[in-house]
N, C-alpha and C. Protein backbone atom coordinates (compact mmCIF):
# COMPACT_ATOMS: atom_id res chain seq x y z
N UNK A 1 77.42 70.11 193.51
CA UNK A 1 76.12 70.66 192.85
C UNK A 1 75.80 72.37 192.92
N UNK A 2 74.88 72.98 191.87
CA UNK A 2 75.19 74.32 192.41
C UNK A 2 73.32 74.22 192.15
N UNK A 3 72.52 75.16 193.25
CA UNK A 3 71.36 74.90 192.71
C UNK A 3 70.69 76.68 192.82
N UNK A 4 70.00 76.58 191.62
CA UNK A 4 69.64 78.01 191.71
C UNK A 4 68.43 78.05 191.50
N UNK A 5 67.67 78.81 191.99
CA UNK A 5 65.98 79.08 192.04
C UNK A 5 65.83 80.39 191.50
N UNK A 6 65.04 80.20 190.33
CA UNK A 6 64.60 81.14 189.30
C UNK A 6 63.55 81.06 189.90
N UNK A 7 62.71 82.80 189.35
CA UNK A 7 61.53 83.43 189.58
C UNK A 7 60.44 82.73 188.50
N UNK A 8 59.37 82.79 188.66
CA UNK A 8 58.49 82.23 188.18
C UNK A 8 57.81 83.00 186.99
N UNK A 9 57.92 83.01 185.65
CA UNK A 9 57.82 83.54 184.52
C UNK A 9 55.92 82.71 184.26
N UNK A 10 55.58 83.75 183.66
CA UNK A 10 53.83 83.16 183.50
C UNK A 10 53.91 81.84 182.68
N UNK A 11 54.60 81.25 181.41
CA UNK A 11 54.64 80.34 180.56
C UNK A 11 55.11 79.15 181.65
N UNK A 12 54.70 78.23 182.11
CA UNK A 12 54.68 76.87 182.73
C UNK A 12 55.63 76.17 181.84
N UNK A 13 55.87 76.07 180.28
CA UNK A 13 56.55 75.57 179.75
C UNK A 13 58.16 75.56 179.89
N UNK A 14 58.09 77.28 179.82
CA UNK A 14 59.68 77.84 179.94
C UNK A 14 59.60 78.27 181.16
N UNK A 15 58.91 77.95 182.30
CA UNK A 15 59.26 78.23 184.02
C UNK A 15 59.88 77.31 184.02
N UNK A 16 61.33 77.35 184.78
CA UNK A 16 62.13 76.68 185.57
C UNK A 16 61.55 76.68 186.74
N UNK A 17 61.58 75.81 187.35
CA UNK A 17 61.59 75.42 189.40
C UNK A 17 62.62 75.18 189.77
N UNK A 18 63.14 74.69 189.29
CA UNK A 18 64.86 74.39 189.54
C UNK A 18 66.21 74.08 188.86
N UNK A 19 67.02 74.94 188.72
CA UNK A 19 68.34 74.97 187.76
C UNK A 19 69.48 73.74 188.94
N UNK A 20 69.70 73.05 188.27
CA UNK A 20 70.66 72.34 189.09
C UNK A 20 71.85 71.87 187.92
N UNK A 21 73.46 72.82 188.62
CA UNK A 21 74.78 72.48 187.56
C UNK A 21 75.04 71.32 188.49
N UNK A 22 75.41 70.48 188.13
CA UNK A 22 76.13 69.29 188.35
C UNK A 22 77.57 68.91 188.06
N UNK A 23 78.53 70.32 189.10
CA UNK A 23 79.53 69.64 188.40
C UNK A 23 80.55 67.95 188.06
N UNK A 24 80.07 67.03 189.03
CA UNK A 24 80.98 65.85 189.02
C UNK A 24 80.34 65.20 187.91
N UNK A 25 79.02 65.20 187.76
CA UNK A 25 78.52 64.23 186.49
C UNK A 25 78.70 65.57 184.84
N UNK A 26 78.99 66.80 185.22
CA UNK A 26 78.88 67.64 184.15
C UNK A 26 77.95 68.11 183.34
N UNK A 27 76.91 68.27 183.97
CA UNK A 27 75.56 68.35 183.00
C UNK A 27 75.11 69.38 184.16
N UNK A 28 74.08 69.96 183.25
CA UNK A 28 72.52 71.01 184.01
C UNK A 28 71.60 70.47 183.79
N UNK A 29 70.48 70.12 184.81
CA UNK A 29 69.27 69.55 185.08
C UNK A 29 68.51 70.80 185.41
N UNK A 30 67.53 71.08 184.34
CA UNK A 30 66.24 71.77 184.48
C UNK A 30 64.76 71.32 184.60
N UNK A 31 64.14 71.35 186.03
CA UNK A 31 62.75 70.97 185.97
C UNK A 31 61.81 72.13 185.65
N UNK A 32 61.21 72.05 185.02
CA UNK A 32 60.03 72.66 184.48
C UNK A 32 58.91 72.86 185.48
N UNK A 33 58.13 74.13 185.40
CA UNK A 33 56.96 73.94 185.95
C UNK A 33 55.66 73.01 185.46
N UNK A 34 55.44 72.62 184.50
CA UNK A 34 54.77 71.58 183.53
C UNK A 34 54.85 70.65 183.92
N UNK A 35 56.11 69.80 184.72
CA UNK A 35 56.38 68.92 184.93
C UNK A 35 57.92 68.16 184.44
N UNK A 36 58.09 68.82 182.93
CA UNK A 36 59.30 68.14 182.35
C UNK A 36 60.48 68.42 182.80
N UNK A 37 61.20 67.24 182.56
CA UNK A 37 62.70 67.70 183.06
C UNK A 37 63.59 67.99 181.73
N UNK A 38 64.71 68.40 181.92
CA UNK A 38 65.42 68.39 180.75
C UNK A 38 67.34 68.60 181.27
N UNK A 39 67.66 67.75 180.56
CA UNK A 39 68.91 67.29 181.06
C UNK A 39 70.22 67.37 180.06
N UNK A 40 71.27 68.68 180.14
CA UNK A 40 72.08 68.80 179.31
C UNK A 40 73.49 68.13 179.56
N UNK A 41 74.21 67.52 179.28
CA UNK A 41 75.61 66.97 179.20
C UNK A 41 76.42 68.53 178.80
N UNK A 42 77.54 68.72 179.74
CA UNK A 42 78.26 70.19 179.63
C UNK A 42 78.66 70.48 177.77
N UNK A 43 79.09 69.56 177.26
CA UNK A 43 79.43 69.55 176.30
C UNK A 43 78.15 69.96 175.42
N UNK A 44 77.15 69.76 175.38
CA UNK A 44 75.68 69.78 174.25
C UNK A 44 75.85 71.50 174.56
N UNK A 45 75.98 71.85 175.84
CA UNK A 45 75.19 73.05 176.42
C UNK A 45 76.23 74.12 175.89
N UNK A 46 77.65 73.42 176.38
CA UNK A 46 78.83 74.53 175.36
C UNK A 46 78.44 74.61 174.11
N UNK A 47 78.27 73.82 173.20
CA UNK A 47 77.46 73.57 171.85
C UNK A 47 76.74 75.14 171.17
N UNK A 48 75.78 75.41 172.20
CA UNK A 48 74.85 75.71 172.38
C UNK A 48 75.04 77.63 172.91
N UNK A 49 76.07 77.47 173.05
CA UNK A 49 76.28 79.05 173.62
C UNK A 49 75.76 80.11 172.97
N UNK A 50 74.59 80.98 173.10
CA UNK A 50 74.31 81.92 172.72
C UNK A 50 74.98 83.20 172.29
N UNK A 51 76.00 83.23 172.96
CA UNK A 51 76.82 84.48 172.73
C UNK A 51 76.99 85.01 171.54
N UNK A 52 77.42 86.54 171.18
CA UNK A 52 77.67 86.81 170.20
C UNK A 52 79.05 86.35 169.48
N UNK A 53 80.06 85.88 170.56
CA UNK A 53 81.45 85.43 170.18
C UNK A 53 81.31 84.15 169.26
N UNK A 54 80.31 83.27 170.20
CA UNK A 54 80.08 81.81 169.62
C UNK A 54 79.34 81.70 168.68
N UNK A 55 78.12 82.73 168.64
CA UNK A 55 76.60 82.47 167.63
C UNK A 55 77.21 83.51 166.46
N UNK A 56 77.92 84.58 166.61
CA UNK A 56 77.97 85.67 165.62
C UNK A 56 76.99 87.18 165.83
N UNK A 57 76.98 88.33 165.20
CA UNK A 57 76.32 88.89 165.30
C UNK A 57 76.50 90.19 164.00
N UNK A 58 75.26 90.58 163.61
CA UNK A 58 75.43 91.55 162.65
C UNK A 58 75.59 90.55 161.43
N UNK A 59 74.89 90.03 161.21
CA UNK A 59 75.51 89.25 159.84
C UNK A 59 76.23 88.38 160.26
N UNK A 60 77.72 88.18 160.94
CA UNK A 60 78.47 87.43 160.40
C UNK A 60 78.59 86.01 161.51
N UNK A 61 79.23 85.08 160.98
CA UNK A 61 79.27 84.05 161.65
C UNK A 61 79.68 84.00 163.18
N UNK A 62 79.31 83.03 164.05
CA UNK A 62 80.29 82.97 165.45
C UNK A 62 81.22 82.22 165.17
N UNK A 63 82.03 81.86 165.82
CA UNK A 63 83.19 80.80 166.21
C UNK A 63 82.82 79.45 166.54
N UNK A 64 81.73 79.13 167.04
CA UNK A 64 81.05 77.83 166.88
C UNK A 64 80.32 77.44 165.97
N UNK A 65 80.28 78.37 164.86
CA UNK A 65 79.24 77.84 163.14
C UNK A 65 80.52 77.42 162.56
N UNK A 66 82.28 77.78 162.55
CA UNK A 66 82.71 77.49 161.92
C UNK A 66 83.15 75.95 162.45
N UNK A 67 82.63 75.25 163.33
CA UNK A 67 82.35 74.07 163.48
C UNK A 67 84.25 73.14 164.18
N UNK A 68 84.01 74.04 165.24
CA UNK A 68 85.53 74.28 165.83
C UNK A 68 85.84 72.13 166.46
N UNK A 69 87.09 72.44 166.71
CA UNK A 69 87.41 71.02 167.53
C UNK A 69 87.19 72.02 169.35
N UNK A 70 86.34 71.60 170.15
CA UNK A 70 86.05 71.97 171.61
C UNK A 70 87.62 70.99 172.72
N UNK A 71 87.99 72.14 173.18
CA UNK A 71 89.07 71.66 174.26
C UNK A 71 87.83 70.80 175.59
N UNK A 72 88.91 70.27 176.08
CA UNK A 72 88.16 69.85 177.71
C UNK A 72 87.71 71.30 178.09
N UNK A 73 88.50 71.78 178.46
CA UNK A 73 88.47 73.51 179.42
C UNK A 73 87.00 74.23 178.78
N UNK A 74 87.02 73.79 177.20
CA UNK A 74 85.95 74.81 177.22
C UNK A 74 84.63 73.83 177.12
N UNK A 75 84.33 72.80 177.53
CA UNK A 75 83.47 71.99 177.77
C UNK A 75 83.27 71.42 179.35
N UNK A 76 84.58 72.21 180.34
CA UNK A 76 84.28 71.75 181.51
C UNK A 76 83.42 72.70 182.31
N UNK A 77 82.12 72.01 183.05
CA UNK A 77 80.89 73.07 183.38
C UNK A 77 81.37 73.67 184.82
N UNK A 78 81.62 74.97 185.14
CA UNK A 78 82.38 74.87 186.43
C UNK A 78 81.62 75.41 187.45
N UNK A 79 80.32 75.69 186.86
CA UNK A 79 79.24 77.21 187.75
C UNK A 79 78.33 77.90 187.00
N UNK A 80 77.47 78.61 187.95
CA UNK A 80 76.69 79.43 186.64
C UNK A 80 76.17 80.36 187.74
N UNK A 81 75.27 81.40 187.27
CA UNK A 81 74.41 82.28 188.04
C UNK A 81 72.81 82.93 187.24
N UNK A 82 72.16 82.96 187.99
CA UNK A 82 70.85 83.81 187.18
C UNK A 82 71.24 84.90 186.32
N UNK A 83 70.68 85.06 185.38
CA UNK A 83 70.59 86.58 184.78
C UNK A 83 68.85 86.98 185.16
N UNK A 84 68.83 88.10 185.59
CA UNK A 84 67.49 88.23 185.91
C UNK A 84 66.61 87.08 186.13
N UNK A 85 65.66 87.15 185.96
CA UNK A 85 64.29 86.05 185.95
C UNK A 85 64.24 85.43 184.81
N UNK A 86 65.31 85.20 184.10
CA UNK A 86 65.20 84.93 182.65
C UNK A 86 65.86 84.04 181.95
N UNK A 87 67.07 84.19 182.36
CA UNK A 87 68.06 82.86 181.76
C UNK A 87 69.47 82.69 183.05
N UNK A 88 70.21 81.32 182.42
CA UNK A 88 71.23 81.13 183.44
C UNK A 88 72.62 81.27 182.48
N UNK A 89 73.79 81.76 182.96
CA UNK A 89 74.92 81.92 182.31
C UNK A 89 75.61 80.98 183.13
N UNK A 90 76.02 80.24 182.27
CA UNK A 90 77.06 79.11 182.35
C UNK A 90 78.36 79.80 182.50
N UNK A 91 79.18 78.80 183.39
CA UNK A 91 80.82 79.29 183.88
C UNK A 91 81.64 77.86 183.13
N UNK A 92 82.49 78.42 182.55
CA UNK A 92 83.30 77.19 181.88
C UNK A 92 84.61 77.41 182.41
N UNK A 93 85.62 76.56 182.46
CA UNK A 93 86.87 76.30 182.74
C UNK A 93 87.63 77.02 182.09
N UNK A 94 87.24 77.33 180.89
CA UNK A 94 88.40 78.06 180.26
C UNK A 94 88.04 79.58 180.41
N UNK A 95 86.88 80.09 181.01
CA UNK A 95 87.38 81.69 181.46
C UNK A 95 85.72 81.94 180.84
N UNK A 96 85.07 81.07 179.50
CA UNK A 96 83.80 81.68 178.81
C UNK A 96 82.67 82.05 180.45
N UNK A 97 82.37 83.25 180.07
CA UNK A 97 80.91 83.76 180.82
C UNK A 97 79.88 84.35 180.19
N UNK A 98 80.00 84.62 178.96
CA UNK A 98 79.13 85.63 178.23
C UNK A 98 78.01 85.01 177.64
N UNK A 99 77.79 83.70 178.01
CA UNK A 99 76.80 83.21 177.24
C UNK A 99 75.52 83.12 178.35
N UNK A 100 74.27 84.14 177.58
CA UNK A 100 73.15 84.04 178.57
C UNK A 100 71.81 82.68 177.98
N UNK A 101 71.74 82.16 178.72
CA UNK A 101 70.94 80.95 177.94
C UNK A 101 69.55 80.98 178.48
N UNK A 102 68.88 81.79 177.74
CA UNK A 102 67.38 81.96 178.25
C UNK A 102 66.64 80.65 178.84
N UNK A 103 65.34 80.67 179.15
CA UNK A 103 65.10 79.60 179.48
C UNK A 103 63.64 79.73 178.65
N UNK A 104 63.40 80.14 177.59
CA UNK A 104 63.04 79.55 176.25
C UNK A 104 63.89 78.73 175.36
N UNK A 105 65.27 79.43 174.87
CA UNK A 105 66.28 78.49 174.55
C UNK A 105 66.58 77.03 175.06
N UNK A 106 66.36 77.23 176.29
CA UNK A 106 67.23 75.85 177.05
C UNK A 106 65.75 75.33 177.13
N UNK A 107 64.65 75.50 177.27
CA UNK A 107 63.23 74.37 177.04
C UNK A 107 63.43 73.87 175.29
N UNK A 108 63.19 75.15 174.39
CA UNK A 108 63.00 74.89 172.70
C UNK A 108 64.21 73.98 172.47
N UNK A 109 65.78 73.95 173.19
CA UNK A 109 66.45 72.88 172.84
C UNK A 109 66.46 71.78 173.21
N UNK A 110 65.50 71.30 174.32
CA UNK A 110 65.37 70.03 175.26
C UNK A 110 66.06 69.01 173.96
N UNK A 111 67.00 68.29 174.94
CA UNK A 111 67.00 67.31 173.71
C UNK A 111 66.92 65.85 174.12
N UNK A 112 65.52 65.56 174.61
CA UNK A 112 65.07 64.73 175.26
C UNK A 112 63.97 64.25 174.10
N UNK A 113 64.28 62.53 173.74
CA UNK A 113 63.34 61.97 172.72
C UNK A 113 62.04 62.83 172.44
N UNK A 114 60.77 63.04 173.56
CA UNK A 114 60.06 63.11 172.93
C UNK A 114 60.33 65.06 172.47
N UNK A 115 61.09 65.42 172.92
CA UNK A 115 61.08 67.06 172.00
C UNK A 115 61.76 67.28 171.20
N UNK A 116 62.70 66.57 170.59
CA UNK A 116 63.37 66.18 169.58
C UNK A 116 62.18 65.76 168.68
N UNK A 117 61.76 65.05 168.73
CA UNK A 117 60.15 64.58 168.16
C UNK A 117 59.46 65.83 167.68
N UNK A 118 58.88 66.70 168.68
CA UNK A 118 58.01 67.80 168.19
C UNK A 118 58.54 68.32 167.22
N UNK A 119 57.41 68.76 166.84
CA UNK A 119 57.69 69.61 165.37
C UNK A 119 58.48 70.98 165.87
N UNK A 120 59.37 71.71 165.68
CA UNK A 120 60.28 73.23 166.12
C UNK A 120 59.40 74.29 164.92
C-alpha cells in the first residue's frame, strides 16, 4: 500500500485528505475533506487516464478513444506520486506514467452509486 498525503485545496469536495494505492487489491482509494470516499478499481482508473496520448490533443482523438483492449500490464497499478498539490500520477506496469489525475477529475468521475445518480 502506498499512502500519499496531499495538501489541502480550498474546496472540500475536491480536497483529498488521504490517497491510498492498494497494489494487492488493485485499487485507488481517496478520502475527501467532506467525508466522502471514492474507490477506483485499477482498470477503471486506467480507462480514465487523462494524458494527451490516451485522450488526444489538438483536436485529435486519443488511443483510449479508439476503444482498444487493454492488457493486464496496462491495467496493473504499481504505484503513484503527487503532482504538486492538485493531482496524482498513477504508475502502470507497462511503464505508462504520463496521466495526471487531478483531484477535481477524480471526484467528478467518482464511480459510487450516489455520485453516478447526481447530474454532471
